[in-house]
Protein backbone atom coordinates (compact mmCIF):
# COMPACT_ATOMS: atom_id res chain seq x y z
CA UNK A 1 58.56 135.50 77.73
CA UNK A 2 60.53 138.27 79.15
CA UNK A 3 62.96 135.85 80.97
CA UNK A 4 63.69 134.04 77.76
CA UNK A 5 64.46 137.23 75.89
CA UNK A 6 66.65 138.26 78.73
CA UNK A 7 68.57 134.96 78.55
CA UNK A 8 68.89 135.23 74.79
CA UNK A 9 70.31 138.73 75.27
CA UNK A 10 72.87 137.46 77.84
CA UNK A 11 73.94 134.60 75.47
CA UNK A 12 74.23 137.00 72.62
CA UNK A 13 76.33 139.32 74.65
CA UNK A 14 78.69 136.46 75.71
CA UNK A 15 78.99 135.35 72.14
CA UNK A 16 80.03 138.87 71.15
CA UNK A 17 82.66 138.87 73.90
CA UNK A 18 83.91 135.45 72.70
CA UNK A 19 84.04 136.80 69.18
CA UNK A 20 86.07 139.67 70.28
CA UNK A 21 88.47 137.40 72.24
CA UNK A 22 88.89 135.17 69.27
CA UNK A 23 90.96 137.82 67.56
CA UNK A 24 92.81 139.40 70.50
CA UNK A 25 95.08 138.25 73.41
CA UNK A 26 94.80 139.12 77.05
CA UNK A 27 96.07 142.63 77.76
CA UNK A 28 98.82 143.56 80.29
CA UNK A 29 99.65 146.90 81.92
CA UNK A 30 102.98 148.30 82.64
CA UNK A 31 104.24 147.69 86.11
CA UNK A 32 101.96 144.61 86.51
CA UNK A 33 102.96 141.08 86.13
CA UNK A 34 100.53 138.89 84.10
CA UNK A 35 97.35 139.56 82.46
CA UNK A 36 95.01 142.20 83.73
CA UNK A 37 91.95 141.23 85.87
CA UNK A 38 89.60 142.95 83.50
CA UNK A 39 90.85 141.00 80.47
CA UNK A 40 90.60 137.66 82.43
CA UNK A 41 87.13 138.55 83.79
CA UNK A 42 85.90 138.55 80.11
CA UNK A 43 87.24 134.95 79.86
CA UNK A 44 85.64 133.97 83.18
CA UNK A 45 82.28 135.06 81.90
CA UNK A 46 82.58 132.51 79.25
CA UNK A 47 82.92 129.63 81.78
CA UNK A 48 79.85 127.80 80.66
CA UNK A 49 81.11 127.55 77.05
CA UNK A 50 83.72 125.29 75.54
CA UNK A 51 86.85 127.47 75.01
CA UNK A 52 87.26 126.99 71.27
CA UNK A 53 87.45 129.69 68.59
CA UNK A 54 85.81 127.46 66.00
CA UNK A 55 83.38 125.13 67.69
CA UNK A 56 83.69 122.60 64.90
CA UNK A 57 87.15 121.85 66.25
CA UNK A 58 87.20 119.47 69.24
CA UNK A 59 88.99 120.24 72.46
CA UNK A 60 91.94 117.87 72.99
CA UNK A 61 92.15 116.57 76.53
CA UNK A 62 95.11 114.61 77.79
CA UNK A 63 94.96 112.33 80.77
CA UNK A 64 97.54 110.60 82.94
CA UNK A 65 97.30 109.22 86.52
CA UNK A 66 99.44 107.62 89.15
CA UNK A 67 98.18 104.84 91.39
CA UNK A 68 99.23 105.84 94.80
CA UNK A 69 97.37 103.42 96.99
CA UNK A 70 94.99 100.47 97.04
CA UNK A 71 92.69 101.29 99.97
CA UNK A 72 90.45 98.31 100.01
CA UNK A 73 89.31 95.22 98.01
CA UNK A 74 85.75 94.02 98.81
CA UNK A 75 85.38 90.54 97.34
CA UNK A 76 81.86 90.23 98.51
CA UNK A 77 80.57 93.36 96.88
CA UNK A 78 83.10 93.17 93.95
CA UNK A 79 84.40 96.73 94.67
CA UNK A 80 87.83 98.10 94.45
CA UNK A 81 88.88 101.29 96.35
CA UNK A 82 91.95 103.14 95.05
CA UNK A 83 93.62 106.53 95.45
CA UNK A 84 94.83 108.29 92.22
CA UNK A 85 96.86 111.39 91.49
CA UNK A 86 94.94 112.42 88.24
CA UNK A 87 96.45 114.98 85.75
CA UNK A 88 94.39 116.60 83.04
CA UNK A 89 95.62 118.82 80.25
CA UNK A 90 93.49 120.72 77.75
CA UNK A 91 93.79 123.91 75.67
CA UNK A 92 91.99 127.16 76.43
CA UNK A 93 92.08 129.22 73.35
CA UNK A 94 90.89 132.34 75.09
CA UNK A 95 93.68 132.39 77.80
CA UNK A 96 96.51 133.49 75.60
CA UNK A 97 98.94 136.34 76.17
CA UNK A 98 102.33 137.55 75.17
CA UNK A 99 105.03 137.09 77.91
CA UNK A 100 107.04 140.00 76.64
CA UNK A 101 104.11 142.37 77.21
CA UNK A 102 103.40 140.90 80.71
CA UNK A 103 106.87 141.23 82.28
CA UNK A 104 107.86 137.75 81.34
CA UNK A 105 105.14 135.92 83.07
CA UNK A 106 104.54 132.51 81.38
CA UNK A 107 102.34 130.71 83.66
CA UNK A 108 99.75 131.77 86.23
CA UNK A 109 97.30 129.86 88.54
CA UNK A 110 93.53 130.37 88.29
CA UNK A 111 90.58 128.98 90.16
CA UNK A 112 89.17 126.02 88.31
CA UNK A 113 85.58 127.04 88.99
CA UNK A 114 86.02 130.11 86.87
CA UNK A 115 87.17 128.15 83.87
CA UNK A 116 85.61 125.46 81.66
CA UNK A 117 86.93 122.01 82.46
CA UNK A 118 86.13 118.66 80.59
CA UNK A 119 83.60 116.50 82.23
CA UNK A 120 85.97 113.48 82.43
CA UNK A 121 84.60 110.65 84.57
CA UNK A 122 85.53 106.98 85.35
CA UNK A 123 82.79 104.81 83.88
CA UNK A 124 83.28 102.02 86.58
CA UNK A 125 82.71 104.46 89.46
CA UNK A 126 79.97 103.25 92.03
CA UNK A 127 80.24 105.98 94.63
CA UNK A 128 80.99 109.65 95.16
CA UNK A 129 84.50 110.95 95.25
CA UNK A 130 85.22 112.10 98.90
CA UNK A 131 88.82 113.18 98.36
CA UNK A 132 90.09 116.65 98.97
CA UNK A 133 89.39 118.97 95.95
CA UNK A 134 92.18 120.92 94.20
CA UNK A 135 90.62 124.44 93.48
CA UNK A 136 93.36 125.73 91.20
CA UNK A 137 94.80 125.11 87.76
CA UNK A 138 97.93 126.15 86.08
CA UNK A 139 97.52 128.12 82.86
CA UNK A 140 100.41 128.53 80.35
CA UNK A 141 100.75 131.77 78.28
CA UNK A 142 99.77 129.55 75.25
CA UNK A 143 96.49 128.56 76.74
CA UNK A 144 97.51 125.22 77.90
CA UNK A 145 95.95 124.28 81.22
CA UNK A 146 97.11 121.63 83.67
CA UNK A 147 94.83 120.44 86.39
CA UNK A 148 96.28 118.06 89.24
CA UNK A 149 93.65 116.60 91.45
CA UNK A 150 93.27 113.73 94.00
CA UNK A 151 90.77 111.06 93.19
CA UNK A 152 89.43 108.48 95.65
CA UNK A 153 87.94 106.07 93.15
CA UNK A 154 85.40 103.42 94.25
CA UNK A 155 84.89 101.18 91.22
CA UNK A 156 83.34 98.01 90.24
CA UNK A 157 85.67 95.24 89.49
CA UNK A 158 85.33 91.48 88.58
CA UNK A 159 87.43 90.00 91.41
CA UNK A 160 88.62 86.40 91.00
CA UNK A 161 89.45 84.84 94.39
CA UNK A 162 89.79 81.19 93.52
CA UNK A 163 93.56 81.36 93.74
CA UNK A 164 93.53 83.30 97.09
CA UNK A 165 95.87 84.35 98.68
CA UNK A 166 98.04 84.03 95.43
CA UNK A 167 95.44 85.89 93.44
CA UNK A 168 96.12 88.48 90.74
CA UNK A 169 93.37 90.89 89.96
CA UNK A 170 92.84 92.78 86.70
CA UNK A 171 90.59 95.80 87.09
CA UNK A 172 89.68 98.34 84.40
CA UNK A 173 89.44 102.15 84.70
CA UNK A 174 87.59 103.61 81.75
CA UNK A 175 88.14 107.42 81.38
CA UNK A 176 85.84 109.32 79.17
CA UNK A 177 83.54 112.32 78.77
CA UNK A 178 80.16 112.11 80.32
CA UNK A 179 78.35 114.30 77.85
CA UNK A 180 80.69 115.54 75.03
CA UNK A 181 80.97 113.45 72.00
CA UNK A 182 84.07 113.10 69.82
CA UNK A 183 82.90 116.16 67.91
CA UNK A 184 83.38 118.27 71.02
CA UNK A 185 86.16 116.49 73.10
CA UNK A 186 88.94 114.17 72.08
CA UNK A 187 90.91 112.20 74.77
CA UNK A 188 94.40 110.89 74.56
CA UNK A 189 96.96 109.78 77.14
CA UNK A 190 99.45 112.38 78.31
CA UNK A 191 102.12 109.82 79.08
CA UNK A 192 102.76 106.36 77.68
CA UNK A 193 101.37 103.50 79.66
CA UNK A 194 104.77 102.27 80.44
CA UNK A 195 105.60 105.63 82.13
CA UNK A 196 102.33 105.60 84.02
CA UNK A 197 102.97 102.03 85.23
CA UNK A 198 106.67 102.88 86.36
CA UNK A 199 105.46 106.00 88.24
CA UNK A 200 102.81 103.96 90.05
CA UNK A 201 105.29 101.14 91.01
CA UNK A 202 107.51 103.68 92.66
CA UNK A 203 104.83 104.92 94.97
CA UNK A 204 102.91 101.63 95.41
CA UNK A 205 105.82 99.30 95.99
CA UNK A 206 105.73 99.72 99.80
CA UNK A 207 101.96 100.20 100.14
CA UNK A 208 99.92 97.65 102.22
CA UNK A 209 98.73 94.32 101.00
CA UNK A 210 98.76 94.72 97.29
CA UNK A 211 101.57 94.97 94.77
CA UNK A 212 101.27 96.56 91.35
CA UNK A 213 102.19 94.31 88.47
CA UNK A 214 101.46 96.40 85.51
CA UNK A 215 99.18 99.18 83.95
CA UNK A 216 98.15 98.58 80.39
CA UNK A 217 95.82 100.65 78.21
CA UNK A 218 94.31 101.55 74.92
CA UNK A 219 92.25 104.26 73.31
CA UNK A 220 88.94 103.40 71.66
CA UNK A 221 85.72 104.87 70.71
CA UNK A 222 82.41 104.06 72.50
CA UNK A 223 79.56 103.97 70.16
CA UNK A 224 75.90 104.26 71.53
CA UNK A 225 73.26 104.88 68.84
CA UNK A 226 74.39 107.51 66.53
CA UNK A 227 76.81 109.12 68.97
CA UNK A 228 80.46 108.22 69.64
CA UNK A 229 82.57 109.00 72.70
CA UNK A 230 86.27 109.04 72.93
CA UNK A 231 87.48 106.63 75.79
CA UNK A 232 90.79 105.45 77.29
CA UNK A 233 90.61 102.00 79.00
CA UNK A 234 93.30 101.21 81.56
CA UNK A 235 93.92 97.70 82.90
CA UNK A 236 95.46 97.92 86.37
CA UNK A 237 96.97 94.52 87.34
CA UNK A 238 97.51 94.05 90.97
CA UNK A 239 98.87 91.07 93.03
CA UNK A 240 98.26 90.27 96.66
CA UNK A 241 101.14 89.83 99.06
CA UNK A 242 100.41 86.32 100.54
CA UNK A 243 102.94 86.46 103.45
CA UNK A 244 100.25 87.42 105.99
CA UNK A 245 97.93 84.58 104.95
CA UNK A 246 100.66 81.96 104.69
CA UNK A 247 101.91 82.71 108.13
CA UNK A 248 98.39 82.91 109.76
CA UNK A 249 96.45 80.25 107.80
CA UNK A 250 98.58 77.79 105.82
CA UNK A 251 101.44 77.13 108.27
CA UNK A 252 99.17 76.45 111.44
CA UNK A 253 96.94 74.25 109.28
CA UNK A 254 99.91 72.36 108.00
CA UNK A 255 101.20 71.86 111.63
CA UNK A 256 97.90 70.45 112.73
CA UNK A 257 97.89 68.05 109.82
CA UNK A 258 101.49 66.94 110.69
CA UNK A 259 100.35 66.25 114.29
CA UNK A 260 97.44 64.26 112.98
CA UNK A 261 99.86 62.21 110.79
CA UNK A 262 102.26 61.57 113.66
CA UNK A 263 99.41 60.47 115.91
CA UNK A 264 99.38 57.18 113.97
CA UNK A 265 102.64 56.27 115.73
CA UNK A 266 100.81 56.09 119.04
CA UNK A 267 100.27 52.43 119.99
CA UNK A 268 96.59 51.89 119.56
CA UNK A 269 96.38 49.13 122.24
CA UNK A 270 97.79 51.23 124.96
CA UNK A 271 96.85 54.76 124.22
CA UNK A 272 93.38 56.23 123.62
CA UNK A 273 94.19 57.51 120.17
CA UNK A 274 90.67 58.33 119.37
CA UNK A 275 90.32 60.85 122.11
CA UNK A 276 93.38 62.52 121.01
CA UNK A 277 92.13 62.79 117.42
CA UNK A 278 88.85 64.13 118.67
CA UNK A 279 90.60 66.84 120.57
CA UNK A 280 92.73 67.63 117.46
CA UNK A 281 89.54 67.89 115.21
CA UNK A 282 87.94 70.31 117.94
CA UNK A 283 91.12 72.50 117.86
CA UNK A 284 91.18 72.56 114.06
CA UNK A 285 87.52 73.66 114.06
CA UNK A 286 88.19 76.51 116.62
CA UNK A 287 91.16 77.42 114.46
CA UNK A 288 88.93 77.76 111.47
CA UNK A 289 86.41 79.87 113.27
CA UNK A 290 88.98 82.32 114.43
CA UNK A 291 90.58 82.69 111.03
CA UNK A 292 87.26 82.98 109.20
CA UNK A 293 87.60 86.82 109.02
CA UNK A 294 90.75 86.53 106.96
CA UNK A 295 89.11 84.54 104.22
CA UNK A 296 87.25 86.36 101.34
CA UNK A 297 83.73 85.65 100.90
CA UNK A 298 81.84 85.98 97.68
CA UNK A 299 78.69 84.50 96.07
CA UNK A 300 80.64 83.87 92.83
CA UNK A 301 82.66 80.94 94.13
CA UNK A 302 84.81 79.51 96.88
CA UNK A 303 88.57 80.16 97.15
CA UNK A 304 90.75 77.11 96.89
CA UNK A 305 92.21 77.73 100.32
CA UNK A 306 88.62 77.15 101.69
CA UNK A 307 88.45 73.91 99.86
CA UNK A 308 91.89 73.14 101.28
CA UNK A 309 90.68 73.67 104.89
CA UNK A 310 87.57 71.64 104.33
CA UNK A 311 89.41 68.69 102.77
CA UNK A 312 92.05 68.87 105.65
CA UNK A 313 89.05 68.69 108.06
CA UNK A 314 87.56 65.75 106.14
CA UNK A 315 90.89 63.86 106.17
CA UNK A 316 91.01 64.31 109.98
CA UNK A 317 87.50 62.82 110.28
CA UNK A 318 88.68 59.91 108.03
CA UNK A 319 91.74 59.48 110.31
CA UNK A 320 89.37 59.33 113.34
CA UNK A 321 87.14 56.68 111.61
CA UNK A 322 90.28 54.53 110.78
CA UNK A 323 91.07 54.69 114.56
CA UNK A 324 87.61 53.63 115.45
CA UNK A 325 87.96 50.73 113.07
CA UNK A 326 91.30 49.66 114.49
CA UNK A 327 90.00 50.02 118.06
CA UNK A 328 87.07 47.78 117.22
CA UNK A 329 89.29 45.11 115.74
CA UNK A 330 91.68 45.21 118.73
CA UNK A 331 89.15 45.07 121.50
CA UNK A 332 85.64 44.10 120.39
CA UNK A 333 86.61 41.11 118.24
CA UNK A 334 89.25 39.75 120.64
CA UNK A 335 86.94 40.12 123.67
CA UNK A 336 84.47 37.69 121.90
CA UNK A 337 87.26 35.13 121.68
CA UNK A 338 86.34 34.31 118.02
CA UNK A 339 88.65 32.44 115.74
CA UNK A 340 90.26 34.55 113.20
CA UNK A 341 88.61 33.51 109.90
CA UNK A 342 90.66 31.77 107.21
CA UNK A 343 90.25 34.56 104.64
CA UNK A 344 91.33 37.10 107.18
CA UNK A 345 94.56 35.07 107.74
CA UNK A 346 95.17 34.67 103.94
CA UNK A 347 94.27 38.25 102.93
CA UNK A 348 95.43 40.30 105.86
CA UNK A 349 97.96 38.37 107.75
CA UNK A 350 99.70 36.99 104.78
CA UNK A 351 99.30 39.05 101.49
CA UNK A 352 98.67 42.57 103.00
CA UNK A 353 101.43 42.09 105.64
CA UNK A 354 103.84 41.22 102.89
CA UNK A 355 102.73 44.07 100.70
CA UNK A 356 103.23 46.66 103.38
CA UNK A 357 106.41 45.05 104.74
CA UNK A 358 104.90 44.35 108.21
CA UNK A 359 107.55 43.52 110.77
CA UNK A 360 106.57 40.55 112.84
CA UNK A 361 107.91 40.26 116.47
CA UNK A 362 110.78 37.82 116.91
CA UNK A 363 108.76 35.41 119.03
CA UNK A 364 105.88 35.40 116.53
CA UNK A 365 105.80 33.85 113.05
CA UNK A 366 103.19 34.78 110.48
CA UNK A 367 100.42 32.09 110.34
CA UNK A 368 100.48 30.11 107.13
CA UNK A 369 97.76 27.49 107.60
CA UNK A 370 94.86 27.43 110.05
CA UNK A 371 95.89 25.98 113.42
CA UNK A 372 92.74 24.03 114.27
CA UNK A 373 94.21 20.52 115.33
CA UNK A 374 96.64 21.79 117.99
CA UNK A 375 94.00 21.78 120.94
CA UNK A 376 92.88 18.24 120.04
CA UNK A 377 96.32 16.82 119.88
CA UNK A 378 97.23 18.44 123.23
CA UNK A 379 94.03 16.93 124.85
CA UNK A 380 94.90 13.35 123.35
CA UNK A 381 98.40 13.76 124.78
CA UNK A 382 97.25 14.89 128.16
CA UNK A 383 94.66 12.24 128.51
CA UNK A 384 96.93 9.42 129.77
CA UNK A 385 98.53 11.71 132.26
CA UNK A 386 95.36 12.37 134.05
CA UNK A 387 93.57 8.99 133.53
CA UNK A 388 96.67 6.84 134.28
CA UNK A 389 96.56 7.35 138.09
CA UNK A 390 92.86 6.59 138.24
CA UNK A 391 93.32 3.29 136.31
CA UNK A 392 96.18 2.09 138.48
CA UNK A 393 94.65 2.99 141.95
CA UNK A 394 91.89 0.30 142.16
CA UNK A 395 94.30 -2.50 141.37
CA UNK A 396 97.04 -1.34 143.77
CA UNK A 397 94.95 0.05 146.70
CA UNK A 398 92.84 -2.23 149.19
CA UNK A 399 89.10 -2.08 149.38
CA UNK A 400 89.21 -0.31 152.75
CA UNK A 401 90.99 2.77 151.20
CA UNK A 402 87.84 4.09 149.30
CA UNK A 403 88.11 7.45 150.98
CA UNK A 404 91.66 7.93 149.71
CA UNK A 405 90.58 6.87 146.21
CA UNK A 406 87.70 9.33 146.31
CA UNK A 407 90.04 12.13 147.35
CA UNK A 408 92.52 11.21 144.61
CA UNK A 409 89.90 11.29 142.03
CA UNK A 410 88.88 14.86 143.13
CA UNK A 411 92.39 15.96 143.09
CA UNK A 412 92.67 14.60 139.50
CA UNK A 413 89.39 16.34 138.61
CA UNK A 414 90.75 19.60 139.99
CA UNK A 415 93.96 19.22 138.04
CA UNK A 416 92.03 18.57 134.91
CA UNK A 417 89.82 21.66 135.50
CA UNK A 418 92.87 23.68 136.11
CA UNK A 419 94.60 22.57 133.05
CA UNK A 420 91.38 23.17 130.98
CA UNK A 421 91.28 26.68 132.35
CA UNK A 422 94.89 27.22 131.60
CA UNK A 423 94.42 26.00 128.06
CA UNK A 424 91.39 28.26 127.78
CA UNK A 425 93.44 31.20 128.86
CA UNK A 426 96.21 30.36 126.55
CA UNK A 427 93.82 30.17 123.60
CA UNK A 428 92.26 33.42 124.63
CA UNK A 429 95.72 34.98 124.70
CA UNK A 430 96.58 33.37 121.36
CA UNK A 431 93.24 34.80 119.87
CA UNK A 432 93.88 38.17 121.34
CA UNK A 433 97.44 38.20 119.85
CA UNK A 434 96.10 37.12 116.40
CA UNK A 435 93.43 39.76 116.38
CA UNK A 436 96.04 42.40 117.54
CA UNK A 437 98.16 41.48 114.65
CA UNK A 438 95.16 41.86 112.27
CA UNK A 439 94.60 45.29 113.85
CA UNK A 440 98.32 46.17 113.49
CA UNK A 441 98.38 45.21 109.85
CA UNK A 442 95.21 47.08 109.12
CA UNK A 443 96.58 50.14 110.94
CA UNK A 444 99.82 50.01 108.87
CA UNK A 445 97.75 49.67 105.63
CA UNK A 446 95.30 52.46 106.41
CA UNK A 447 98.10 54.80 107.60
CA UNK A 448 100.05 54.40 104.36
CA UNK A 449 96.75 54.93 102.27
CA UNK A 450 96.10 58.06 104.50
CA UNK A 451 99.69 59.25 104.06
CA UNK A 452 99.38 58.73 100.30
CA UNK A 453 96.22 60.68 100.11
CA UNK A 454 97.67 63.59 101.87
CA UNK A 455 100.72 63.61 99.92
CA UNK A 456 98.87 63.63 96.56
CA UNK A 457 96.58 66.39 97.75
CA UNK A 458 99.43 68.44 99.06
CA UNK A 459 101.32 68.04 95.82
CA UNK A 460 98.24 69.12 93.81
CA UNK A 461 97.62 72.14 95.90
CA UNK A 462 101.36 73.28 95.91
CA UNK A 463 101.59 72.69 92.17
CA UNK A 464 98.55 74.93 91.40
CA UNK A 465 99.82 77.60 93.63
CA UNK A 466 103.19 77.58 92.12
CA UNK A 467 101.77 77.77 88.67
CA UNK A 468 99.64 80.86 89.65
CA UNK A 469 102.74 82.58 91.22
CA UNK A 470 104.85 81.93 88.22
CA UNK A 471 102.03 83.21 85.89
CA UNK A 472 101.71 86.39 87.93
């Protein structure tokens, strides 16, 4: 009970002091510059109270800031870390003196802890401010206070990374009083939003990875229940400088894709193209693992550059499958010495070859009809050449030359077997050539389809990035 009465007495005394200050100015002494310490001590004792003669009149607080640096953007936690130069203005109605009586002093600096200051915060902050504190303020003879302070702001921001590394982020800084409603504190910008944006661009233009696009803002009233707060909302629009990511990510990936395209010009029948493509896929996978730290990660979505790398890897795998198919046609089918089916001749060797403008060798003509009767006609033509000596030998040779006849028949049999073997080799060579041409035509067709897919995909990606760059 005694402590409460003591507190009431202290408050009553302070109110009497404030009432006396309401009708007087700070005093000065001759030979001393500025107000006396005794007169200011009475103001310091009123530090817990809002400095207003009439408490029904709100204290006007003006805010301006300069964005000096973007310290970090954490896409995974959706946090933006910036460094601001914050400037606050407000009116202290008890710190008023006459410069003529105070040796012409119009401005003094005082410790901010001895004076009342508005409880202005940023509503998006998610961590404590660890920047160096500025312990002093400037006070004008009219009671106008200016407080310059540094602010390391760790704020929540909805980061959109789909267009990375050509992304543009729009983060909000909402300044307002933590406790005082509009009846006590009113907030307004000290400078126009264009001036704040211009000042920030001069300091941020050569700072790190991010470039300031614009600072926009508006004043509004936040209503919660029956209370209302005065707030200022700033929209800070920043754009990423993409040179680092273009040089380290896009250009090497494009070179690897170009090498994969050029690998189609390797002759599939003489070079192991499949092993080359597998080595290329392995190198691309290692490249993605090394550059994984440069890619942003978030649970909200995947950036388009990640989709780009995945599709490029998928296209390389498709290229390897195409090589496997061509290798199977060139080697597996031809080693079985199977006849080329009629539909393959018509569809692939005729229509598709004409469609892709396949160039046939000078000594080979495209097959128009199935060549099935040539081996039979050649056998009929060769029959008399082999049989004719055996039919003439019994009528021309005596009976006692039976050994010579047997030897001659064996020689004819050997010649027939040799000719059959050569004919078989020729047929096998023709079958291999036909299957080789089937493989070459398919290789040309699949290569052009693959090239068309890559071209369309590259055009879509480049168009999307160009649209984002122009919009930013």
